[in-house]
Protein backbone atom coordinates (compact mmCIF):
# COMPACT_ATOMS: atom_id res chain seq x y z
CA UNK A 1 -68.83 -24.15 16.90
CA UNK A 2 -71.14 -27.00 15.97
CA UNK A 3 -72.81 -29.24 18.55
CA UNK A 4 -75.31 -32.02 17.99
CA UNK A 5 -77.69 -33.76 20.35
CA UNK A 6 -78.03 -37.53 20.30
CA UNK A 7 -80.71 -38.76 17.87
CA UNK A 8 -83.95 -39.40 19.73
CA UNK A 9 -86.77 -41.65 18.52
CA UNK A 10 -90.23 -40.25 19.22
CA UNK A 11 -93.49 -42.15 18.74
CA UNK A 12 -95.02 -39.34 16.67
CA UNK A 13 -95.23 -38.71 12.94
CA UNK A 14 -92.70 -36.38 11.32
CA UNK A 15 -95.54 -34.01 10.35
CA UNK A 16 -96.80 -33.86 13.95
CA UNK A 17 -93.31 -33.09 15.27
CA UNK A 18 -92.75 -30.49 12.56
CA UNK A 19 -96.01 -28.73 13.44
CA UNK A 20 -95.24 -28.93 17.17
CA UNK A 21 -91.75 -27.47 16.73
CA UNK A 22 -93.11 -24.79 14.38
CA UNK A 23 -95.19 -23.42 17.28
CA UNK A 24 -92.70 -21.61 19.53
CA UNK A 25 -95.05 -21.96 22.55
CA UNK A 26 -94.27 -25.71 22.59
CA UNK A 27 -90.60 -25.10 23.39
CA UNK A 28 -91.59 -24.47 27.01
CA UNK A 29 -92.43 -28.20 27.28
CA UNK A 30 -88.89 -29.07 26.12
CA UNK A 31 -87.00 -26.79 28.50
CA UNK A 32 -84.85 -28.20 31.31
CA UNK A 33 -86.05 -28.03 34.92
CA UNK A 34 -83.51 -25.26 35.58
CA UNK A 35 -85.54 -22.82 33.49
CA UNK A 36 -85.86 -19.44 35.18
CA UNK A 37 -87.92 -17.70 32.48
CA UNK A 38 -89.93 -18.56 29.38
CA UNK A 39 -91.93 -15.92 27.56
CA UNK A 40 -93.47 -16.00 24.08
CA UNK A 41 -92.78 -12.59 22.53
CA UNK A 42 -94.52 -13.03 19.17
CA UNK A 43 -95.96 -15.60 16.79
CA UNK A 44 -92.45 -16.77 15.91
CA UNK A 45 -90.21 -15.80 18.84
CA UNK A 46 -89.61 -16.40 22.54
CA UNK A 47 -87.22 -15.51 25.33
CA UNK A 48 -85.87 -18.06 27.76
CA UNK A 49 -83.47 -17.93 30.63
CA UNK A 50 -81.73 -20.71 32.51
CA UNK A 51 -80.50 -20.21 36.05
CA UNK A 52 -77.06 -18.63 35.97
CA UNK A 53 -77.18 -17.85 32.23
CA UNK A 54 -78.19 -14.68 30.36
CA UNK A 55 -81.63 -14.59 28.74
CA UNK A 56 -81.70 -15.57 25.08
CA UNK A 57 -84.27 -14.56 22.49
CA UNK A 58 -84.91 -17.08 19.71
CA UNK A 59 -86.78 -16.40 16.50
CA UNK A 60 -88.09 -18.81 13.87
CA UNK A 61 -85.80 -18.42 10.84
CA UNK A 62 -86.80 -21.22 8.49
CA UNK A 63 -89.25 -24.12 8.18
CA UNK A 64 -88.94 -26.98 5.69
CA UNK A 65 -91.97 -29.26 6.15
CA UNK A 66 -91.88 -31.89 7.51
CA UNK A 67 -88.17 -32.37 8.09
CA UNK A 68 -86.58 -29.23 9.51
CA UNK A 69 -87.19 -26.26 11.80
CA UNK A 70 -84.50 -23.58 12.23
CA UNK A 71 -84.45 -21.11 15.11
CA UNK A 72 -81.88 -18.36 15.35
CA UNK A 73 -80.73 -15.78 17.85
CA UNK A 74 -82.72 -12.57 17.57
CA UNK A 75 -79.59 -10.62 18.54
CA UNK A 76 -76.49 -10.25 16.36
CA UNK A 77 -74.27 -10.17 19.48
CA UNK A 78 -74.40 -13.98 19.77
CA UNK A 79 -74.99 -15.29 16.25
CA UNK A 80 -76.21 -18.88 16.30
CA UNK A 81 -78.88 -21.22 14.99
CA UNK A 82 -80.67 -24.15 16.59
CA UNK A 83 -81.88 -26.62 13.98
CA UNK A 84 -84.31 -29.47 14.57
CA UNK A 85 -83.87 -32.20 11.97
CA UNK A 86 -86.78 -34.64 11.77
CA UNK A 87 -86.46 -37.97 10.01
CA UNK A 88 -89.57 -40.10 9.50
CA UNK A 89 -88.99 -43.74 10.48
CA UNK A 90 -92.57 -44.93 10.00
CA UNK A 91 -96.10 -43.54 9.98
CA UNK A 92 -96.05 -43.00 13.75
CA UNK A 93 -92.35 -42.85 14.57
CA UNK A 94 -89.67 -40.25 13.89
CA UNK A 95 -86.09 -39.52 14.75
CA UNK A 96 -85.14 -36.03 15.91
CA UNK A 97 -81.69 -34.51 16.23
CA UNK A 98 -80.94 -30.96 17.33
CA UNK A 99 -77.94 -29.14 16.00
CA UNK A 100 -76.47 -25.93 17.42
CA UNK A 101 -74.26 -23.85 15.16
CA UNK A 102 -72.68 -20.65 16.47
CA UNK A 103 -69.94 -18.24 15.55
CA UNK A 104 -68.04 -17.49 18.77
CA UNK A 105 -64.52 -16.55 19.70
CA UNK A 106 -62.48 -19.44 21.17
CA UNK A 107 -62.78 -18.18 24.77
CA UNK A 108 -66.58 -17.85 24.56
CA UNK A 109 -66.86 -21.22 22.80
CA UNK A 110 -64.91 -22.89 25.59
CA UNK A 111 -67.15 -21.34 28.26
CA UNK A 112 -70.50 -22.21 26.67
CA UNK A 113 -69.76 -25.59 25.06
CA UNK A 114 -70.67 -27.63 28.18
CA UNK A 115 -73.90 -25.80 29.10
CA UNK A 116 -75.11 -25.65 25.47
CA UNK A 117 -74.38 -29.37 24.91
CA UNK A 118 -76.34 -30.26 28.02
CA UNK A 119 -79.15 -27.90 27.01
CA UNK A 120 -79.69 -29.38 23.52
CA UNK A 121 -79.45 -32.92 24.93
CA UNK A 122 -82.24 -32.04 27.39
CA UNK A 123 -84.39 -30.49 24.63
CA UNK A 124 -83.98 -33.65 22.54
CA UNK A 125 -84.67 -35.96 25.49
CA UNK A 126 -87.91 -34.04 26.20
CA UNK A 127 -89.26 -34.41 22.61
CA UNK A 128 -91.65 -37.13 23.80
CA UNK A 129 -93.47 -34.44 25.85
CA UNK A 130 -94.81 -32.77 22.69
């Protein structure tokens, strides 16, 4: 299952966004208002929970400066990645798109598609808060 957020233009340099997204503590600023829990569990991982959803632990998997940050599920039960693609438009402007890629059975995919789509759209829309 592959979902993508709309592309969002942010008045920040690609390097600034890359560094901000590389610090997992900054993801708290991007979370939707329905967040029930956010806890940094290490230099490269955090747990978050949205109301009515199970808690998810994300871990930094890969960083390609200044254009890409890849987070992945820390658990093998729900294998997925959340990738932030950063495209520099000018010295002080960048475009960001989040992409969610998960390997789920059709029933699970059907259940989580709506909430995950909304979640990554919210993360992208909040990029200006970094």
